[in-house]
């Protein structure tokens, strides 16, 4: 009741900032006492290594905004870890976030690929007082739980990638139980991919809200983010008819977002009008099925879109030429996901950074129409030239 009242009275943007500060403080104080970390040595891991994603894939940057160029330069020395931990003692897995708790009541940080992010809460205190012996036990489990599991960008990049990674490293039998959250299992995009025998014939353990899972032997892993070879694996799970273009393969698409979603363009009507004048269709993926999104991206040649999970659908365009222009909100950090993915797929990428919203306390941002039109025309010219060369 109190939370509902606060949400109505306080702007969402302020609440988000306040929560981030609160959670950072809690992680560094109370959580360290209540949920101490279980320590592992390097030899405890079946695999443990670091890699440099931006050294594996070179991202063209000379044409980018200087702020994006600076960030790409910073990313070149950024490391991502990859690991596989086979935990052979009993543990409990919490239902809300997927944290694993060892028998000595210490948190197993490798149970989640991004367990150290500032916005991730720790399990409920109730977990510390549960009696594991009162719960049924699984002899073995593969945990596919992870942060962001209800977002389909993370479903592709983190959840499915875990399964591919484990298959490559251990060749686990099909019948080994795979643990996922019920909230993910019920997502339309999960059900869409579940049609394929590769997933349909698996032994799924679906963790319900409030259900603690006990396991005697558990596989935890994290593959490298943006593993390019996995994009083709994901496309193989799509029904053939959804990958066959039914219309022109030269469509121009502008992907918009509703203000209800947050991270929207405050003056969207102006920007959409400019796009329409250049032959772009204005599309909101929220009102489309995944099959429709896949077909659309398969036929798209030029895509402009606000940073968000919808852009990950570019992977269904395959290796055919495409141009992508990403619209980013202002800030100190600009997400790298789609510039890296576009480089891996050979697409002509550009990014435009917006301005602070004219209205106060909103999650939207402003795009200068004059600057946008010039930026888009320059990008279209570059993308068209590159596509002609690739063709």
Protein backbone atom coordinates (compact mmCIF):
# COMPACT_ATOMS: atom_id res chain seq x y z
CA UNK A 1 0.00 0.00 0.00
CA UNK A 2 2.76 2.44 1.00
CA UNK A 3 4.77 1.58 -2.14
CA UNK A 4 1.74 2.31 -4.33
CA UNK A 5 1.22 5.72 -2.71
CA UNK A 6 4.91 6.63 -3.07
CA UNK A 7 4.90 5.67 -6.76
CA UNK A 8 1.91 7.94 -7.36
CA UNK A 9 3.44 10.89 -5.52
CA UNK A 10 7.11 10.67 -6.53
CA UNK A 11 8.32 10.75 -10.17
CA UNK A 12 9.66 7.41 -11.42
CA UNK A 13 13.01 8.93 -12.43
CA UNK A 14 13.64 10.14 -8.87
CA UNK A 15 12.54 6.83 -7.38
CA UNK A 16 14.97 4.95 -9.65
CA UNK A 17 17.90 7.14 -8.59
CA UNK A 18 16.98 6.89 -4.92
CA UNK A 19 16.69 3.11 -5.13
CA UNK A 20 20.08 2.81 -6.87
CA UNK A 21 21.79 4.80 -4.09
CA UNK A 22 20.00 2.78 -1.41
CA UNK A 23 20.92 -0.58 -2.93
CA UNK A 24 24.59 0.40 -3.40
CA UNK A 25 24.76 1.39 0.26
CA UNK A 26 23.06 -1.80 1.38
CA UNK A 27 25.34 -4.04 -0.73
CA UNK A 28 28.40 -2.53 0.95
CA UNK A 29 27.05 -2.71 4.50
CA UNK A 30 24.13 -4.87 5.68
CA UNK A 31 24.32 -7.45 2.90
CA UNK A 32 27.95 -8.27 3.67
CA UNK A 33 26.94 -9.23 7.19
CA UNK A 34 23.65 -10.99 6.46
CA UNK A 35 24.78 -12.73 3.27
CA UNK A 36 28.56 -13.24 3.34
CA UNK A 37 30.19 -14.43 0.14
CA UNK A 38 31.35 -18.01 -0.30
CA UNK A 39 34.89 -17.92 -1.63
CA UNK A 40 36.18 -20.06 -4.47
CA UNK A 41 39.72 -20.62 -5.71
CA UNK A 42 40.48 -20.66 -9.41
CA UNK A 43 41.03 -24.41 -9.32
CA UNK A 44 37.44 -24.88 -8.10
CA UNK A 45 36.21 -23.91 -11.57
CA UNK A 46 36.05 -26.26 -14.52
CA UNK A 47 36.63 -23.18 -16.71
CA UNK A 48 37.59 -19.67 -15.64
CA UNK A 49 39.04 -17.05 -17.95
CA UNK A 50 38.80 -13.42 -19.01
CA UNK A 51 38.57 -12.04 -22.54
CA UNK A 52 38.34 -8.67 -24.28
CA UNK A 53 35.14 -8.52 -26.40
CA UNK A 54 36.17 -5.27 -28.13
CA UNK A 55 39.53 -6.77 -29.06
CA UNK A 56 37.87 -9.89 -30.44
CA UNK A 57 35.58 -7.71 -32.58
CA UNK A 58 36.77 -4.35 -33.87
CA UNK A 59 34.03 -1.69 -33.82
CA UNK A 60 34.34 1.00 -36.54
CA UNK A 61 34.30 4.31 -34.69
CA UNK A 62 35.76 7.18 -36.74
CA UNK A 63 32.30 8.28 -37.92
CA UNK A 64 30.73 8.14 -34.44
CA UNK A 65 29.91 10.97 -32.03
CA UNK A 66 33.09 11.80 -30.10
CA UNK A 67 31.42 10.65 -26.86
CA UNK A 68 30.78 7.23 -28.38
CA UNK A 69 34.31 7.12 -29.80
CA UNK A 70 35.68 7.79 -26.33
CA UNK A 71 33.58 5.01 -24.88
CA UNK A 72 34.63 2.51 -27.56
CA UNK A 73 38.26 3.36 -26.75
CA UNK A 74 37.53 2.68 -23.08
CA UNK A 75 35.84 -0.61 -23.95
CA UNK A 76 38.93 -1.91 -25.75
CA UNK A 77 40.50 -2.73 -22.38
CA UNK A 78 37.26 -3.93 -20.81
CA UNK A 79 37.20 -7.58 -19.80
CA UNK A 80 34.39 -10.09 -19.55
CA UNK A 81 34.70 -13.23 -17.50
CA UNK A 82 33.68 -16.69 -18.61
CA UNK A 83 33.36 -19.55 -16.16
CA UNK A 84 31.87 -22.93 -15.43
CA UNK A 85 31.48 -24.03 -11.82
CA UNK A 86 30.26 -27.51 -10.95
CA UNK A 87 29.17 -27.13 -7.35
CA UNK A 88 29.14 -30.59 -5.79
CA UNK A 89 27.67 -29.73 -2.39
CA UNK A 90 24.08 -28.99 -1.48
CA UNK A 91 22.66 -25.55 -2.08
CA UNK A 92 19.34 -23.73 -2.12
CA UNK A 93 18.24 -21.54 -5.02
CA UNK A 94 15.97 -18.62 -4.24
CA UNK A 95 12.87 -18.08 -6.37
CA UNK A 96 13.00 -14.34 -6.95
CA UNK A 97 16.48 -13.73 -8.33
CA UNK A 98 18.10 -17.16 -8.68
CA UNK A 99 20.77 -16.70 -5.99
CA UNK A 100 22.26 -19.93 -4.64
CA UNK A 101 22.94 -20.26 -0.92
CA UNK A 102 25.44 -22.85 0.34
CA UNK A 103 24.80 -25.07 3.35
CA UNK A 104 27.00 -22.76 5.46
CA UNK A 105 24.59 -19.89 4.64
CA UNK A 106 27.04 -18.13 2.34
CA UNK A 107 26.03 -16.75 -1.06
CA UNK A 108 27.43 -18.44 -4.16
CA UNK A 109 28.16 -15.44 -6.38
CA UNK A 110 28.88 -17.51 -9.52
CA UNK A 111 25.26 -18.68 -9.35
CA UNK A 112 24.39 -15.50 -11.28
CA UNK A 113 26.42 -14.22 -14.21
CA UNK A 114 26.12 -10.56 -13.19
CA UNK A 115 25.84 -11.02 -9.44
CA UNK A 116 27.85 -7.90 -8.57
CA UNK A 117 25.73 -5.29 -10.35
CA UNK A 118 24.54 -2.50 -8.06
CA UNK A 119 20.83 -2.93 -8.82
CA UNK A 120 20.56 -6.63 -7.90
CA UNK A 121 19.00 -7.32 -4.52
CA UNK A 122 20.03 -10.17 -2.27
CA UNK A 123 17.59 -12.99 -1.38
CA UNK A 124 14.91 -12.69 1.26
CA UNK A 125 16.11 -13.10 4.85
CA UNK A 126 13.71 -16.02 5.05
CA UNK A 127 16.18 -18.06 3.01
CA UNK A 128 18.71 -18.07 5.84
CA UNK A 129 16.24 -19.75 8.17
CA UNK A 130 14.88 -22.44 5.86
CA UNK A 131 15.49 -26.06 6.78
CA UNK A 132 16.80 -27.64 3.55
CA UNK A 133 15.99 -31.16 4.72
CA UNK A 134 12.29 -30.30 4.57
CA UNK A 135 12.51 -29.71 0.80
CA UNK A 136 12.68 -32.35 -1.94
CA UNK A 137 16.17 -32.52 -3.46
CA UNK A 138 17.32 -32.74 -7.07
CA UNK A 139 20.38 -34.93 -7.50
CA UNK A 140 21.66 -32.66 -10.27
CA UNK A 141 20.56 -29.36 -11.84
CA UNK A 142 21.78 -26.91 -14.44
CA UNK A 143 20.80 -23.43 -13.29
CA UNK A 144 19.84 -21.14 -16.17
CA UNK A 145 18.68 -18.47 -13.73
CA UNK A 146 20.23 -15.04 -14.20
CA UNK A 147 19.74 -11.31 -13.85
CA UNK A 148 17.58 -9.86 -16.60
CA UNK A 149 16.10 -13.27 -17.42
CA UNK A 150 12.68 -11.74 -18.14
CA UNK A 151 14.11 -9.49 -20.86
CA UNK A 152 14.46 -11.15 -24.24
CA UNK A 153 17.80 -9.50 -25.02
CA UNK A 154 19.17 -11.29 -21.94
CA UNK A 155 17.27 -14.44 -22.86
CA UNK A 156 19.28 -14.63 -26.10
CA UNK A 157 22.60 -13.33 -24.79
CA UNK A 158 22.68 -14.92 -21.34
CA UNK A 159 20.13 -17.75 -20.94
CA UNK A 160 20.26 -19.56 -24.29
CA UNK A 161 23.98 -18.81 -24.43
CA UNK A 162 24.47 -20.77 -21.19
CA UNK A 163 22.89 -23.83 -22.75
CA UNK A 164 25.05 -23.55 -25.88
CA UNK A 165 28.16 -23.00 -23.75
CA UNK A 166 27.51 -26.02 -21.52
CA UNK A 167 26.80 -28.16 -24.55
CA UNK A 168 30.15 -27.17 -26.08
CA UNK A 169 32.16 -27.67 -22.90
CA UNK A 170 30.59 -30.73 -21.28
CA UNK A 171 28.24 -32.34 -23.80
CA UNK A 172 25.65 -32.80 -21.07
CA UNK A 173 22.95 -35.38 -21.78
CA UNK A 174 19.56 -34.03 -22.91
CA UNK A 175 17.85 -35.41 -19.83
CA UNK A 176 19.84 -33.33 -17.31
CA UNK A 177 17.27 -31.03 -15.59
CA UNK A 178 17.41 -27.34 -16.54
CA UNK A 179 16.21 -24.80 -13.98
CA UNK A 180 14.39 -21.65 -15.11
CA UNK A 181 11.98 -19.22 -13.47
CA UNK A 182 8.26 -19.62 -14.09
CA UNK A 183 8.09 -15.96 -15.12
CA UNK A 184 10.52 -16.70 -17.97
CA UNK A 185 8.81 -19.97 -18.88
CA UNK A 186 5.50 -18.15 -19.34
CA UNK A 187 6.95 -15.41 -21.54
CA UNK A 188 5.61 -15.60 -25.12
CA UNK A 189 9.13 -15.52 -26.56
CA UNK A 190 10.17 -18.53 -24.46
CA UNK A 191 7.09 -20.45 -25.54
CA UNK A 192 7.86 -19.51 -29.15
CA UNK A 193 11.32 -21.10 -29.00
CA UNK A 194 10.04 -24.01 -26.92
CA UNK A 195 8.36 -25.29 -30.10
CA UNK A 196 11.75 -26.38 -31.41
CA UNK A 197 12.78 -29.96 -30.47
CA UNK A 198 16.15 -28.67 -29.21
CA UNK A 199 14.30 -27.06 -26.29
CA UNK A 200 10.99 -28.91 -26.29
CA UNK A 201 12.57 -32.27 -25.49
CA UNK A 202 14.54 -30.98 -22.49
CA UNK A 203 13.85 -31.78 -18.86
CA UNK A 204 12.68 -28.39 -17.55
CA UNK A 205 12.41 -27.60 -13.85
CA UNK A 206 10.18 -24.54 -13.65
CA UNK A 207 10.70 -22.62 -10.40
CA UNK A 208 7.49 -21.06 -9.14
CA UNK A 209 7.31 -17.78 -7.17
CA UNK A 210 8.04 -18.53 -3.53
CA UNK A 211 9.48 -21.98 -4.30
CA UNK A 212 12.98 -22.69 -3.01
CA UNK A 213 14.89 -25.33 -4.95
CA UNK A 214 17.29 -27.74 -3.27
CA UNK A 215 20.06 -29.30 -5.35
CA UNK A 216 22.84 -31.72 -4.46
CA UNK A 217 24.98 -30.97 -7.52
CA UNK A 218 24.56 -27.79 -9.56
CA UNK A 219 26.08 -26.40 -12.72
CA UNK A 220 26.57 -22.62 -12.74
CA UNK A 221 28.11 -20.88 -15.73
CA UNK A 222 28.59 -17.63 -17.59
CA UNK A 223 29.68 -17.60 -21.24
CA UNK A 224 31.34 -14.55 -22.77
CA UNK A 225 28.82 -11.87 -23.62
CA UNK A 226 28.03 -11.41 -27.31
CA UNK A 227 29.43 -14.70 -28.56
CA UNK A 228 28.96 -14.23 -32.30
CA UNK A 229 28.74 -17.94 -33.11
CA UNK A 230 25.62 -18.21 -30.94
CA UNK A 231 23.59 -15.86 -33.17
CA UNK A 232 23.41 -18.51 -35.88
CA UNK A 233 22.46 -21.10 -33.25
CA UNK A 234 19.53 -18.91 -32.18
CA UNK A 235 18.37 -18.46 -35.80
CA UNK A 236 18.36 -22.25 -36.17
CA UNK A 237 15.65 -22.41 -33.48
CA UNK A 238 13.30 -20.20 -35.53
CA UNK A 239 10.66 -21.91 -37.71
CA UNK A 240 11.82 -21.74 -41.33
CA UNK A 241 8.68 -19.93 -42.49
CA UNK A 242 9.41 -17.02 -40.13
CA UNK A 243 12.83 -16.42 -41.70
CA UNK A 244 11.60 -16.31 -45.29
CA UNK A 245 10.93 -12.71 -46.46
CA UNK A 246 7.41 -12.34 -47.83
CA UNK A 247 7.87 -8.80 -49.14
CA UNK A 248 10.62 -6.40 -50.06
CA UNK A 249 13.98 -6.89 -48.37
CA UNK A 250 14.57 -3.13 -48.48
CA UNK A 251 12.13 -1.92 -45.85
CA UNK A 252 12.95 1.09 -43.70
CA UNK A 253 11.87 0.68 -40.08
CA UNK A 254 11.68 3.09 -37.16
CA UNK A 255 11.20 1.23 -33.85
CA UNK A 256 9.41 3.43 -31.33
CA UNK A 257 8.64 2.89 -27.64
CA UNK A 258 5.59 3.85 -25.63
CA UNK A 259 6.05 6.33 -22.73
CA UNK A 260 4.66 3.55 -20.51
CA UNK A 261 7.89 1.62 -21.11
CA UNK A 262 10.28 4.37 -20.05
CA UNK A 263 13.29 5.45 -22.15
CA UNK A 264 11.08 7.02 -24.79
CA UNK A 265 11.49 10.04 -27.08
CA UNK A 266 9.69 13.01 -25.58
CA UNK A 267 9.05 14.61 -29.00
CA UNK A 268 8.37 11.32 -30.76
CA UNK A 269 5.77 12.82 -33.13
CA UNK A 270 8.37 15.16 -34.68
CA UNK A 271 10.95 12.41 -35.09
CA UNK A 272 8.45 9.94 -36.50
CA UNK A 273 7.27 12.52 -39.06
CA UNK A 274 10.87 12.99 -40.28
CA UNK A 275 11.28 9.22 -40.59
CA UNK A 276 8.02 8.79 -42.48
CA UNK A 277 9.09 11.48 -44.94
CA UNK A 278 12.14 9.32 -45.73
CA UNK A 279 10.05 6.19 -46.29
CA UNK A 280 10.32 4.66 -42.81
CA UNK A 281 7.50 2.65 -41.26
CA UNK A 282 6.90 3.47 -37.58
CA UNK A 283 6.67 0.22 -35.62
CA UNK A 284 6.05 -0.58 -31.95
CA UNK A 285 7.26 -4.11 -31.18
CA UNK A 286 5.07 -4.20 -28.06
CA UNK A 287 2.00 -4.78 -30.24
CA UNK A 288 3.62 -7.48 -32.40
CA UNK A 289 4.24 -11.17 -31.84
CA UNK A 290 7.82 -12.39 -31.88
CA UNK A 291 7.18 -14.15 -35.20
CA UNK A 292 6.04 -10.83 -36.70
CA UNK A 293 9.11 -9.05 -35.31
CA UNK A 294 11.44 -11.67 -36.77
CA UNK A 295 9.81 -11.47 -40.21
CA UNK A 296 9.97 -7.68 -40.14
CA UNK A 297 13.66 -7.57 -39.22
CA UNK A 298 14.39 -10.17 -41.86
CA UNK A 299 12.97 -7.77 -44.47
CA UNK A 300 14.50 -4.57 -43.03
CA UNK A 301 17.41 -2.90 -44.78
CA UNK A 302 17.58 0.26 -42.64
CA UNK A 303 16.56 0.36 -38.97
CA UNK A 304 16.36 3.34 -36.62
CA UNK A 305 15.45 2.58 -33.04
CA UNK A 306 15.57 3.69 -29.43
CA UNK A 307 18.01 1.72 -27.31
CA UNK A 308 16.13 -1.28 -25.94
CA UNK A 309 15.65 -5.03 -26.18
CA UNK A 310 13.80 -4.73 -29.50
CA UNK A 311 17.05 -3.97 -31.32
CA UNK A 312 18.40 -7.44 -30.52
CA UNK A 313 16.06 -8.72 -33.23
CA UNK A 314 18.67 -7.54 -35.72
CA UNK A 315 20.29 -10.95 -35.30
CA UNK A 316 17.40 -12.46 -37.30
CA UNK A 317 18.40 -10.40 -40.34
CA UNK A 318 21.34 -12.75 -40.60
CA UNK A 319 24.40 -11.91 -42.65
CA UNK A 320 22.60 -9.80 -45.26
CA UNK A 321 23.63 -6.10 -45.39
CA UNK A 322 21.79 -3.74 -43.05
CA UNK A 323 22.14 -0.29 -41.51
CA UNK A 324 21.32 0.39 -37.84
CA UNK A 325 21.00 3.80 -36.19
CA UNK A 326 20.53 3.68 -32.42
CA UNK A 327 19.02 6.57 -30.46
CA UNK A 328 20.52 6.81 -26.98
CA UNK A 329 19.41 8.85 -23.96
CA UNK A 330 21.95 11.32 -22.55
CA UNK A 331 24.15 10.19 -19.70
CA UNK A 332 27.65 9.28 -18.63
CA UNK A 333 27.45 5.71 -19.93
CA UNK A 334 26.26 4.56 -23.36
CA UNK A 335 25.39 0.86 -23.65
CA UNK A 336 27.64 -1.08 -25.99
CA UNK A 337 25.39 -4.05 -26.76
CA UNK A 338 24.11 -3.12 -30.19
CA UNK A 339 27.17 -1.36 -31.57
CA UNK A 340 29.14 -4.54 -30.81
CA UNK A 341 26.47 -6.85 -32.21
CA UNK A 342 26.16 -4.74 -35.37
CA UNK A 343 29.94 -4.95 -35.88
CA UNK A 344 29.85 -8.73 -35.43
CA UNK A 345 27.09 -9.04 -38.03
CA UNK A 346 28.74 -6.64 -40.47
CA UNK A 347 26.06 -3.92 -40.28
CA UNK A 348 26.61 -0.18 -40.73
CA UNK A 349 26.08 1.19 -37.22
CA UNK A 350 25.69 4.74 -36.02
CA UNK A 351 24.41 6.17 -32.76
CA UNK A 352 22.86 9.51 -31.89
CA UNK A 353 22.79 10.75 -28.30
CA UNK A 354 19.70 12.70 -27.30
CA UNK A 355 19.28 15.59 -24.90
CA UNK A 356 17.77 15.90 -21.44
CA UNK A 357 13.97 15.93 -21.61
CA UNK A 358 12.29 19.32 -21.61
CA UNK A 359 9.78 18.06 -19.03
CA UNK A 360 11.05 17.43 -15.51
CA UNK A 361 11.16 14.07 -13.74
CA UNK A 362 10.36 11.85 -16.71
CA UNK A 363 12.15 8.81 -18.14
CA UNK A 364 12.02 10.19 -21.65
CA UNK A 365 14.62 12.21 -23.55
CA UNK A 366 14.58 14.83 -26.29
CA UNK A 367 15.89 14.49 -29.86
CA UNK A 368 16.63 17.72 -31.71
CA UNK A 369 14.68 17.35 -35.00
CA UNK A 370 17.15 19.34 -37.13
CA UNK A 371 20.16 17.44 -35.79
CA UNK A 372 18.32 14.15 -36.15
CA UNK A 373 17.44 14.73 -39.79
CA UNK A 374 21.04 15.60 -40.68
CA UNK A 375 22.42 12.68 -38.67
CA UNK A 376 19.99 10.25 -40.26
CA UNK A 377 20.73 11.43 -43.81
CA UNK A 378 24.49 11.12 -43.23
CA UNK A 379 24.01 7.62 -41.82
CA UNK A 380 21.75 6.58 -44.73
CA UNK A 381 24.40 7.76 -47.17
CA UNK A 382 27.14 5.76 -45.41
CA UNK A 383 24.94 2.69 -45.01
CA UNK A 384 23.80 2.77 -48.66
CA UNK A 385 27.38 2.99 -49.89
CA UNK A 386 28.45 0.07 -47.70
CA UNK A 387 25.46 -2.04 -48.70
CA UNK A 388 26.26 -1.51 -52.40
CA UNK A 389 29.83 -2.69 -51.79
CA UNK A 390 28.63 -5.74 -49.83
CA UNK A 391 26.09 -6.58 -52.52
